[in-house]
Each structure stands twice: as structure tokens, then as C-alpha cells.
Amino acid sequence: MSSTVDKQENLRTAERLIRAAVLEGGAELVALPELWSCHGLESVYRENAEPVPGPTTEFLSRLARGLRIYLLGGSILEGEPGAERLHNTSTLFAPSGELVAIYRKIHLFDVKVGDREYLESAGMAPGREIVAAKAAGTVLGLTVCYDLRFPELYRILALRGAEVLLVPAAFTLQTGKDHWELLLRARAVENQAYVVAPAQWGRKQDGRWTYGRSMIVDPWGTVLSTCPDRDGYALATLDFEYLERFRREFPALANRRPETYAWE
């Protein structure tokens, strides 16, 4: 998606794309990008914030239940409207519509890219809990965007059983063109896991460009599917028999030597 500051427009777009992925593509797990319900102008973020559960998560719950799918609600702005600091929060729903996991983005994007400075911590509070959830007969590891640059988070998720690593994102164009695919493939290879990474694309109302290229990567690091520069969806089959065999025959996770990793 290329979300706007108009929440209702974004909800309509999300529902259209989710239904297409399920009814045309046969998807059983669908994932939305970071801040899909409101993106592109920080001045309107607080007025669009809401609690979890709240209206937007109820919308996602109804879709998951109606379509009988697992649905990752990308991330939304969590908090009471007007709150000083919000959470960047990802939610996961079962086919029953049940909210089965909540993850609040841990790593905040406080950087300078080119001539532009980003200070996510000015309006966001960091999460403090690493979240892996059982779903669809496997374990999903929940992360958001800038988390991708912190491999220790993904290793912990893999050691907790995650076989699919979820990375809803809104990568900047400047960083995305060089690092997005590189980092996604690295996280897949080093953790011997599938990576599902839905992303914002296009120019936003504040003039910033997001990179897009939503992507699904397999444990070997092969890109199974990606999105072009327009609204749409990437679709791939995740083969867990292959993953089990691959981890057994190439046991990199089992070959770890944690007793040697301590440092002061």
C-alpha cells in the first residue's frame, strides 16, 4: 500500500487488497505494512491514534473472521487521541477473529538520512517485549521496520521457535534501495526462516518517499515473490516440510556455541 493521512480511504484500500489476496490468490496468511491506516504526515498521527483493542483492530478482526484467515495488521498508532507518546503496534488475528498477539515496536528510527532527520522517539515510546506467536501450525515472530537492523532480535525469535519472521515496514527510499532486500535475505539465511515483509511504497504527503518492494524470502535467502511499485500483493507458498528438512540437514542454529558468546 501507499497509505495516506485519510484513515477511511486506507481502510477501504486495505480491505480491497486483502480480499483480492484471499479470493483471487488463495492466501491463508495476509500481512499489511507499517502504519497502513495512517501514514505520511506526523502532525495528524496523534489525532488518528486509538487504543488496542479499538475500531481499527475490530475492523481487522471482522476481516480475519469473515475470510477465515490469519491476518497481521501491519502496525497502527496505539494510544489515546492526543497522547504525548504513542506506540507503533502490530497485531495478529486468527481465523476466528481472535486477537492472538500484540507487538509494540522496540527499536525507534532516530537517524539522519541525507539531509533529513528522523526522530521517531519524539512521538513514540519503545516496546519492551519480544513476541512470538503460535499461528497457522507454526510460530510467527513479530517485528516492525527498523527492527530489521538488529539481528539479535531475530535470533531470539528463531530460538523461541519462529519459522516465519514478519517485518511490516515503511523503509525510506534512500535506505531501502540499498539495504531492504539485503537485510531481509540476511535475516532469513542466518535464522533459517521465512521472512514476510509488507511495505509502504511511494511519495507521502510530507514529501518523503518510501521504498516499497514488499517481499517474501525463503530460508535459503531466495526471494520468492515481490511487489512492483504500485498497490498489490506478493504471494508465495511457505513449505514447512522443506524448512524442517533444511534445518535438520544444515543445522546452523543447533551448531551455535552460546557458552563462548558472553562479553562484558
C-alpha atoms as a PDB file:
ATOM      1  CA  MET A   1       0.000   0.000   0.000  1.00  0.00           C
ATOM      2  CA  SER A   2       0.840   3.647  -0.321  1.00  0.00           C
ATOM      3  CA  SER A   3      -1.173   4.879   2.633  1.00  0.00           C
ATOM      4  CA  THR A   4      -2.374   8.455   3.041  1.00  0.00           C
ATOM      5  CA  VAL A   5      -3.473  10.507   6.051  1.00  0.00           C
ATOM      6  CA  ASP A   6      -7.096   9.606   5.289  1.00  0.00           C
ATOM      7  CA  LYS A   7      -7.852   6.639   7.565  1.00  0.00           C
ATOM      8  CA  GLN A   8     -11.137   5.686   5.897  1.00  0.00           C
ATOM      9  CA  GLU A   9      -9.523   5.652   2.467  1.00  0.00           C
ATOM     10  CA  ASN A  10      -6.757   3.434   3.825  1.00  0.00           C
ATOM     11  CA  LEU A  11      -9.233   1.006   5.371  1.00  0.00           C
ATOM     12  CA  ARG A  12     -11.047   0.695   2.038  1.00  0.00           C
ATOM     13  CA  THR A  13      -7.769   0.071   0.196  1.00  0.00           C
ATOM     14  CA  ALA A  14      -6.613  -2.480   2.742  1.00  0.00           C
ATOM     15  CA  GLU A  15      -9.890  -4.395   2.580  1.00  0.00           C
ATOM     16  CA  ARG A  16      -9.806  -4.445  -1.228  1.00  0.00           C
ATOM     17  CA  LEU A  17      -6.246  -5.798  -1.285  1.00  0.00           C
ATOM     18  CA  ILE A  18      -6.832  -8.330   1.486  1.00  0.00           C
ATOM     19  CA  ARG A  19      -9.906  -9.682  -0.284  1.00  0.00           C
ATOM     20  CA  ALA A  20      -8.005  -9.902  -3.571  1.00  0.00           C
ATOM     21  CA  ALA A  21      -5.123 -11.798  -1.929  1.00  0.00           C
ATOM     22  CA  VAL A  22      -7.554 -14.284  -0.387  1.00  0.00           C
ATOM     23  CA  LEU A  23     -10.268 -14.654  -3.028  1.00  0.00           C
ATOM     24  CA  GLU A  24      -8.013 -14.432  -6.093  1.00  0.00           C
ATOM     25  CA  GLY A  25      -4.706 -15.660  -4.685  1.00  0.00           C
ATOM     26  CA  GLY A  26      -5.858 -18.168  -2.078  1.00  0.00           C
ATOM     27  CA  ALA A  27      -3.837 -16.568   0.721  1.00  0.00           C
ATOM     28  CA  GLU A  28      -4.220 -18.061   4.214  1.00  0.00           C
ATOM     29  CA  LEU A  29      -1.925 -15.563   5.971  1.00  0.00           C
ATOM     30  CA  VAL A  30      -2.104 -11.901   4.935  1.00  0.00           C
ATOM     31  CA  ALA A  31       0.130  -9.115   6.245  1.00  0.00           C
ATOM     32  CA  LEU A  32      -0.257  -5.326   5.954  1.00  0.00           C
ATOM     33  CA  PRO A  33       2.573  -2.724   6.063  1.00  0.00           C
ATOM     34  CA  GLU A  34       3.694  -0.470   8.894  1.00  0.00           C
ATOM     35  CA  LEU A  35       1.280   2.377   9.739  1.00  0.00           C
ATOM     36  CA  TRP A  36      -1.075   1.262   6.971  1.00  0.00           C
ATOM     37  CA  SER A  37      -4.117   3.034   8.461  1.00  0.00           C
ATOM     38  CA  CYS A  38      -2.475   6.493   8.594  1.00  0.00           C
ATOM     39  CA  HIS A  39       0.861   7.461   7.087  1.00  0.00           C
ATOM     40  CA  GLY A  40       2.592  10.445   5.622  1.00  0.00           C
ATOM     41  CA  LEU A  41       2.174  13.416   7.947  1.00  0.00           C
ATOM     42  CA  GLU A  42       3.336  13.287  11.562  1.00  0.00           C
ATOM     43  CA  SER A  43       1.133  16.210  12.584  1.00  0.00           C
ATOM     44  CA  VAL A  44      -2.002  14.040  12.209  1.00  0.00           C
ATOM     45  CA  TYR A  45      -0.640  10.920  13.891  1.00  0.00           C
ATOM     46  CA  ARG A  46      -1.867  11.729  17.398  1.00  0.00           C
ATOM     47  CA  GLU A  47      -5.414  12.515  16.287  1.00  0.00           C
ATOM     48  CA  ASN A  48      -5.523   9.149  14.478  1.00  0.00           C
ATOM     49  CA  ALA A  49      -4.218   7.134  17.420  1.00  0.00           C
ATOM     50  CA  GLU A  50      -6.536   4.687  19.116  1.00  0.00           C
ATOM     51  CA  PRO A  51      -6.419   2.011  21.814  1.00  0.00           C
ATOM     52  CA  VAL A  52      -5.873  -1.687  21.154  1.00  0.00           C
ATOM     53  CA  PRO A  53      -8.444  -3.182  21.016  1.00  0.00           C
ATOM     54  CA  GLY A  54     -10.192  -0.348  19.212  1.00  0.00           C
ATOM     55  CA  PRO A  55     -12.064   0.484  15.998  1.00  0.00           C
ATOM     56  CA  THR A  56      -9.244  -0.451  13.602  1.00  0.00           C
ATOM     57  CA  THR A  57      -8.451  -3.738  15.308  1.00  0.00           C
ATOM     58  CA  GLU A  58     -12.182  -4.525  15.288  1.00  0.00           C
ATOM     59  CA  PHE A  59     -12.127  -3.902  11.528  1.00  0.00           C
ATOM     60  CA  LEU A  60      -9.201  -6.339  11.170  1.00  0.00           C
ATOM     61  CA  SER A  61     -10.879  -8.896  13.409  1.00  0.00           C
ATOM     62  CA  ARG A  62     -14.021  -8.854  11.271  1.00  0.00           C
ATOM     63  CA  LEU A  63     -11.984  -9.340   8.090  1.00  0.00           C
ATOM     64  CA  ALA A  64      -9.987 -12.222   9.555  1.00  0.00           C
ATOM     65  CA  ARG A  65     -13.162 -13.896  10.774  1.00  0.00           C
ATOM     66  CA  GLY A  66     -15.121 -13.284   7.582  1.00  0.00           C
ATOM     67  CA  LEU A  67     -12.359 -14.555   5.298  1.00  0.00           C
ATOM     68  CA  ARG A  68     -11.135 -17.292   7.697  1.00  0.00           C
ATOM     69  CA  ILE A  69      -7.509 -16.163   7.521  1.00  0.00           C
ATOM     70  CA  TYR A  70      -4.625 -15.268   9.774  1.00  0.00           C
ATOM     71  CA  LEU A  71      -4.179 -11.514   9.442  1.00  0.00           C
ATOM     72  CA  LEU A  72      -1.218  -9.411  10.547  1.00  0.00           C
ATOM     73  CA  GLY A  73      -2.449  -5.848  10.967  1.00  0.00           C
ATOM     74  CA  GLY A  74       0.904  -4.348   9.935  1.00  0.00           C
ATOM     75  CA  SER A  75       1.190  -1.665  12.559  1.00  0.00           C
ATOM     76  CA  ILE A  76      -1.037   1.162  13.754  1.00  0.00           C
ATOM     77  CA  LEU A  77      -0.638   4.091  16.111  1.00  0.00           C
ATOM     78  CA  GLU A  78      -1.696   2.926  19.558  1.00  0.00           C
ATOM     79  CA  GLY A  79      -2.702   5.348  22.265  1.00  0.00           C
ATOM     80  CA  GLU A  80      -5.452   7.662  23.356  1.00  0.00           C
ATOM     81  CA  PRO A  81      -6.059  10.523  20.883  1.00  0.00           C
ATOM     82  CA  GLY A  82      -3.875  13.460  21.864  1.00  0.00           C
ATOM     83  CA  ALA A  83      -1.481  11.358  23.932  1.00  0.00           C
ATOM     84  CA  GLU A  84       2.037  12.738  24.184  1.00  0.00           C
ATOM     85  CA  ARG A  85       3.708   9.474  23.115  1.00  0.00           C
ATOM     86  CA  LEU A  86       2.233   6.575  21.189  1.00  0.00           C
ATOM     87  CA  HIS A  87       3.219   3.003  20.416  1.00  0.00           C
ATOM     88  CA  ASN A  88       3.846   1.685  16.918  1.00  0.00           C
ATOM     89  CA  THR A  89       1.857  -1.512  17.404  1.00  0.00           C
ATOM     90  CA  SER A  90       1.450  -4.680  15.354  1.00  0.00           C
ATOM     91  CA  THR A  91      -1.499  -7.020  15.892  1.00  0.00           C
ATOM     92  CA  LEU A  92      -2.141 -10.598  14.754  1.00  0.00           C
ATOM     93  CA  PHE A  93      -5.591 -12.147  14.305  1.00  0.00           C
ATOM     94  CA  ALA A  94      -6.706 -15.772  13.977  1.00  0.00           C
ATOM     95  CA  PRO A  95      -9.393 -17.016  11.534  1.00  0.00           C
ATOM     96  CA  SER A  96     -11.819 -16.881  14.454  1.00  0.00           C
ATOM     97  CA  GLY A  97     -11.236 -13.123  14.657  1.00  0.00           C
ATOM     98  CA  GLU A  98      -9.412 -13.515  17.971  1.00  0.00           C
ATOM     99  CA  LEU A  99      -6.558 -11.111  18.676  1.00  0.00           C
ATOM    100  CA  VAL A 100      -3.740 -13.594  19.361  1.00  0.00           C
ATOM    101  CA  ALA A 101      -0.667 -11.335  19.613  1.00  0.00           C
ATOM    102  CA  ILE A 102       0.283  -7.699  20.168  1.00  0.00           C
ATOM    103  CA  TYR A 103       3.798  -6.420  19.470  1.00  0.00           C
ATOM    104  CA  ARG A 104       4.981  -2.870  20.104  1.00  0.00           C
ATOM    105  CA  LYS A 105       7.956  -1.759  18.015  1.00  0.00           C
ATOM    106  CA  ILE A 106      11.121  -1.956  20.119  1.00  0.00           C
ATOM    107  CA  HIS A 107      13.699  -0.085  18.029  1.00  0.00           C
ATOM    108  CA  LEU A 108      12.812   3.520  17.165  1.00  0.00           C
ATOM    109  CA  PHE A 109      14.079   5.223  13.998  1.00  0.00           C
ATOM    110  CA  ASP A 110      16.231   8.086  15.322  1.00  0.00           C
ATOM    111  CA  VAL A 111      18.640   8.760  12.446  1.00  0.00           C
ATOM    112  CA  LYS A 112      19.741  11.270   9.843  1.00  0.00           C
ATOM    113  CA  VAL A 113      19.365  10.108   6.235  1.00  0.00           C
ATOM    114  CA  GLY A 114      20.820  12.506   3.675  1.00  0.00           C
ATOM    115  CA  ASP A 115      19.602  15.997   4.571  1.00  0.00           C
ATOM    116  CA  ARG A 116      16.615  14.744   6.560  1.00  0.00           C
ATOM    117  CA  GLU A 117      16.461  13.871  10.243  1.00  0.00           C
ATOM    118  CA  TYR A 118      14.032  11.324  11.644  1.00  0.00           C
ATOM    119  CA  LEU A 119      13.263  11.249  15.363  1.00  0.00           C
ATOM    120  CA  GLU A 120      10.641   8.576  15.953  1.00  0.00           C
ATOM    121  CA  SER A 121      11.230   8.679  19.705  1.00  0.00           C
ATOM    122  CA  ALA A 122       9.875  12.240  19.843  1.00  0.00           C
ATOM    123  CA  GLY A 123       6.353  10.926  19.469  1.00  0.00           C
ATOM    124  CA  MET A 124       6.705   7.183  20.043  1.00  0.00           C
ATOM    125  CA  ALA A 125       7.509   5.068  23.077  1.00  0.00           C
ATOM    126  CA  PRO A 126       9.528   1.855  22.558  1.00  0.00           C
ATOM    127  CA  GLY A 127       8.035  -1.531  23.238  1.00  0.00           C
ATOM    128  CA  ARG A 128       9.733  -3.816  25.748  1.00  0.00           C
ATOM    129  CA  GLU A 129       8.506  -7.303  24.880  1.00  0.00           C
ATOM    130  CA  ILE A 130       9.735  -9.726  22.214  1.00  0.00           C
ATOM    131  CA  VAL A 131       6.714 -11.507  20.733  1.00  0.00           C
ATOM    132  CA  ALA A 132       6.478 -14.888  19.035  1.00  0.00           C
ATOM    133  CA  ALA A 133       3.012 -16.323  18.449  1.00  0.00           C
ATOM    134  CA  LYS A 134       1.724 -19.764  17.506  1.00  0.00           C
ATOM    135  CA  ALA A 135      -0.442 -19.497  14.411  1.00  0.00           C
ATOM    136  CA  ALA A 136      -1.280 -21.483  11.281  1.00  0.00           C
ATOM    137  CA  GLY A 137       0.504 -24.555  12.609  1.00  0.00           C
ATOM    138  CA  THR A 138       3.804 -22.702  13.013  1.00  0.00           C
ATOM    139  CA  VAL A 139       5.383 -19.898  15.075  1.00  0.00           C
ATOM    140  CA  LEU A 140       5.430 -16.322  13.799  1.00  0.00           C
ATOM    141  CA  GLY A 141       7.963 -13.753  15.014  1.00  0.00           C
ATOM    142  CA  LEU A 142       6.612 -10.190  15.113  1.00  0.00           C
ATOM    143  CA  THR A 143       8.827  -7.198  14.310  1.00  0.00           C
ATOM    144  CA  VAL A 144       8.399  -3.770  12.660  1.00  0.00           C
ATOM    145  CA  CYS A 145      10.579  -1.914  10.124  1.00  0.00           C
ATOM    146  CA  TYR A 146      13.720  -0.513  11.835  1.00  0.00           C
ATOM    147  CA  ASP A 147      13.869  -3.661  13.985  1.00  0.00           C
ATOM    148  CA  LEU A 148      15.297  -5.283  10.844  1.00  0.00           C
ATOM    149  CA  ARG A 149      18.717  -3.750  11.576  1.00  0.00           C
ATOM    150  CA  PHE A 150      19.012  -5.517  14.940  1.00  0.00           C
ATOM    151  CA  PRO A 151      19.836  -9.192  14.274  1.00  0.00           C
ATOM    152  CA  GLU A 152      19.803 -10.127  17.956  1.00  0.00           C
ATOM    153  CA  LEU A 153      16.015  -9.661  17.998  1.00  0.00           C
ATOM    154  CA  TYR A 154      15.555 -12.110  15.133  1.00  0.00           C
ATOM    155  CA  ARG A 155      17.923 -14.668  16.626  1.00  0.00           C
ATOM    156  CA  ILE A 156      15.926 -14.649  19.865  1.00  0.00           C
ATOM    157  CA  LEU A 157      12.715 -15.137  17.869  1.00  0.00           C
ATOM    158  CA  ALA A 158      14.268 -18.065  15.986  1.00  0.00           C
ATOM    159  CA  LEU A 159      15.437 -19.643  19.245  1.00  0.00           C
ATOM    160  CA  ARG A 160      11.873 -19.285  20.533  1.00  0.00           C
ATOM    161  CA  GLY A 161      10.704 -21.368  17.601  1.00  0.00           C
ATOM    162  CA  ALA A 162       9.821 -18.757  14.970  1.00  0.00           C
ATOM    163  CA  GLU A 163       9.732 -20.206  11.462  1.00  0.00           C
ATOM    164  CA  VAL A 164       8.241 -17.089   9.862  1.00  0.00           C
ATOM    165  CA  LEU A 165       9.604 -13.613  10.613  1.00  0.00           C
ATOM    166  CA  LEU A 166       7.144 -10.784   9.949  1.00  0.00           C
ATOM    167  CA  VAL A 167       8.532  -7.344   9.010  1.00  0.00           C
ATOM    168  CA  PRO A 168       5.851  -4.754   8.162  1.00  0.00           C
ATOM    169  CA  ALA A 169       7.747  -1.645   7.152  1.00  0.00           C
ATOM    170  CA  ALA A 170       7.887   1.853   5.683  1.00  0.00           C
ATOM    171  CA  PHE A 171      11.562   1.941   4.673  1.00  0.00           C
ATOM    172  CA  THR A 172      12.791   5.229   3.262  1.00  0.00           C
ATOM    173  CA  LEU A 173      13.729   5.256  -0.409  1.00  0.00           C
ATOM    174  CA  GLN A 174      17.329   6.217   0.419  1.00  0.00           C
ATOM    175  CA  THR A 175      17.940   3.253   2.709  1.00  0.00           C
ATOM    176  CA  GLY A 176      15.583   0.837   1.010  1.00  0.00           C
ATOM    177  CA  LYS A 177      17.239   0.845  -2.393  1.00  0.00           C
ATOM    178  CA  ASP A 178      20.499  -0.432  -0.887  1.00  0.00           C
ATOM    179  CA  HIS A 179      19.540  -2.244   2.322  1.00  0.00           C
ATOM    180  CA  TRP A 180      15.931  -3.543   2.230  1.00  0.00           C
ATOM    181  CA  GLU A 181      16.401  -6.748   0.232  1.00  0.00           C
ATOM    182  CA  LEU A 182      19.920  -7.258   1.621  1.00  0.00           C
ATOM    183  CA  LEU A 183      18.749  -7.203   5.235  1.00  0.00           C
ATOM    184  CA  LEU A 184      15.624  -9.293   4.638  1.00  0.00           C
ATOM    185  CA  ARG A 185      17.660 -12.009   2.940  1.00  0.00           C
ATOM    186  CA  ALA A 186      20.282 -11.886   5.692  1.00  0.00           C
ATOM    187  CA  ARG A 187      17.671 -12.312   8.438  1.00  0.00           C
ATOM    188  CA  ALA A 188      16.188 -15.270   6.521  1.00  0.00           C
ATOM    189  CA  VAL A 189      19.535 -17.004   5.980  1.00  0.00           C
ATOM    190  CA  GLU A 190      21.021 -16.525   9.434  1.00  0.00           C
ATOM    191  CA  ASN A 191      17.847 -17.674  11.191  1.00  0.00           C
ATOM    192  CA  GLN A 192      16.824 -20.337   8.671  1.00  0.00           C
ATOM    193  CA  ALA A 193      13.325 -18.905   8.479  1.00  0.00           C
ATOM    194  CA  TYR A 194      10.849 -17.459   6.024  1.00  0.00           C
ATOM    195  CA  VAL A 195      10.582 -13.667   6.025  1.00  0.00           C
ATOM    196  CA  VAL A 196       7.317 -11.934   5.116  1.00  0.00           C
ATOM    197  CA  ALA A 197       7.830  -8.192   4.652  1.00  0.00           C
ATOM    198  CA  PRO A 198       4.909  -5.989   3.517  1.00  0.00           C
ATOM    199  CA  ALA A 199       5.965  -2.411   2.865  1.00  0.00           C
ATOM    200  CA  GLN A 200       4.740   1.110   2.168  1.00  0.00           C
ATOM    201  CA  TRP A 201       5.641   2.440  -1.282  1.00  0.00           C
ATOM    202  CA  GLY A 202       5.534   5.832  -2.998  1.00  0.00           C
ATOM    203  CA  ARG A 203       5.628   9.513  -2.091  1.00  0.00           C
ATOM    204  CA  LYS A 204       3.894  10.653   1.076  1.00  0.00           C
ATOM    205  CA  GLN A 205       2.100  13.901   1.870  1.00  0.00           C
ATOM    206  CA  ASP A 206       5.135  15.263   3.724  1.00  0.00           C
ATOM    207  CA  GLY A 207       7.283  14.769   0.601  1.00  0.00           C
ATOM    208  CA  ARG A 208       9.086  11.690   1.880  1.00  0.00           C
ATOM    209  CA  TRP A 209       9.455   8.685  -0.403  1.00  0.00           C
ATOM    210  CA  THR A 210       9.052   5.132   0.831  1.00  0.00           C
ATOM    211  CA  TYR A 211      10.796   2.297  -0.976  1.00  0.00           C
ATOM    212  CA  GLY A 212       8.123  -0.399  -1.174  1.00  0.00           C
ATOM    213  CA  ARG A 213       9.009  -3.753  -2.773  1.00  0.00           C
ATOM    214  CA  SER A 214       7.017  -5.935  -0.376  1.00  0.00           C
ATOM    215  CA  MET A 215       8.812  -9.257  -0.330  1.00  0.00           C
ATOM    216  CA  ILE A 216       8.693 -12.905   0.742  1.00  0.00           C
ATOM    217  CA  VAL A 217      12.041 -14.654   1.263  1.00  0.00           C
ATOM    218  CA  ASP A 218      12.778 -18.325   1.924  1.00  0.00           C
ATOM    219  CA  PRO A 219      15.324 -19.772   4.406  1.00  0.00           C
ATOM    220  CA  TRP A 220      17.980 -20.070   1.678  1.00  0.00           C
ATOM    221  CA  GLY A 221      17.682 -16.327   1.039  1.00  0.00           C
ATOM    222  CA  THR A 222      15.808 -16.709  -2.237  1.00  0.00           C
ATOM    223  CA  VAL A 223      13.217 -14.031  -2.957  1.00  0.00           C
ATOM    224  CA  LEU A 224      10.027 -15.980  -3.668  1.00  0.00           C
ATOM    225  CA  SER A 225       7.817 -13.022  -4.526  1.00  0.00           C
ATOM    226  CA  THR A 226       7.891  -9.235  -4.558  1.00  0.00           C
ATOM    227  CA  CYS A 227       5.574  -6.330  -5.352  1.00  0.00           C
ATOM    228  CA  PRO A 228       6.127  -3.761  -8.111  1.00  0.00           C
ATOM    229  CA  ASP A 229       5.829  -0.042  -7.431  1.00  0.00           C
ATOM    230  CA  ARG A 230       2.055   0.058  -7.078  1.00  0.00           C
ATOM    231  CA  ASP A 231      -0.632  -1.271  -4.759  1.00  0.00           C
ATOM    232  CA  GLY A 232      -0.836  -5.036  -4.809  1.00  0.00           C
ATOM    233  CA  TYR A 233       0.331  -8.144  -3.015  1.00  0.00           C
ATOM    234  CA  ALA A 234       3.191 -10.620  -3.078  1.00  0.00           C
ATOM    235  CA  LEU A 235       2.108 -14.260  -2.868  1.00  0.00           C
ATOM    236  CA  ALA A 236       4.142 -17.387  -2.093  1.00  0.00           C
ATOM    237  CA  THR A 237       3.737 -20.844  -0.595  1.00  0.00           C
ATOM    238  CA  LEU A 238       5.677 -21.437   2.616  1.00  0.00           C
ATOM    239  CA  ASP A 239       6.848 -25.067   2.614  1.00  0.00           C
ATOM    240  CA  PHE A 240       7.387 -26.109   6.229  1.00  0.00           C
ATOM    241  CA  GLU A 241       8.432 -29.663   5.331  1.00  0.00           C
ATOM    242  CA  TYR A 242      11.278 -28.117   3.335  1.00  0.00           C
ATOM    243  CA  LEU A 243      12.120 -25.837   6.261  1.00  0.00           C
ATOM    244  CA  GLU A 244      12.239 -28.758   8.698  1.00  0.00           C
ATOM    245  CA  ARG A 245      14.455 -30.788   6.367  1.00  0.00           C
ATOM    246  CA  PHE A 246      16.703 -27.797   5.701  1.00  0.00           C
ATOM    247  CA  ARG A 247      17.224 -27.090   9.409  1.00  0.00           C
ATOM    248  CA  ARG A 248      17.939 -30.771  10.030  1.00  0.00           C
ATOM    249  CA  GLU A 249      20.460 -31.150   7.196  1.00  0.00           C
ATOM    250  CA  PHE A 250      22.106 -27.736   7.673  1.00  0.00           C
ATOM    251  CA  PRO A 251      21.866 -27.297  11.456  1.00  0.00           C
ATOM    252  CA  ALA A 252      23.344 -23.818  11.849  1.00  0.00           C
ATOM    253  CA  LEU A 253      21.041 -22.949  14.740  1.00  0.00           C
ATOM    254  CA  ALA A 254      21.927 -26.188  16.526  1.00  0.00           C
ATOM    255  CA  ASN A 255      25.653 -25.546  15.940  1.00  0.00           C
ATOM    256  CA  ARG A 256      25.646 -22.337  17.971  1.00  0.00           C
ATOM    257  CA  ARG A 257      28.179 -22.079  20.847  1.00  0.00           C
ATOM    258  CA  PRO A 258      26.422 -19.720  23.281  1.00  0.00           C
ATOM    259  CA  GLU A 259      28.846 -20.572  26.097  1.00  0.00           C
ATOM    260  CA  THR A 260      31.503 -18.591  24.191  1.00  0.00           C
ATOM    261  CA  TYR A 261      29.377 -15.524  23.435  1.00  0.00           C
ATOM    262  CA  ALA A 262      29.497 -13.731  26.787  1.00  0.00           C
ATOM    263  CA  TRP A 263      31.032 -10.248  26.917  1.00  0.00           C
ATOM    264  CA  GLU A 264      31.465  -7.547  29.494  1.00  0.00           C
END
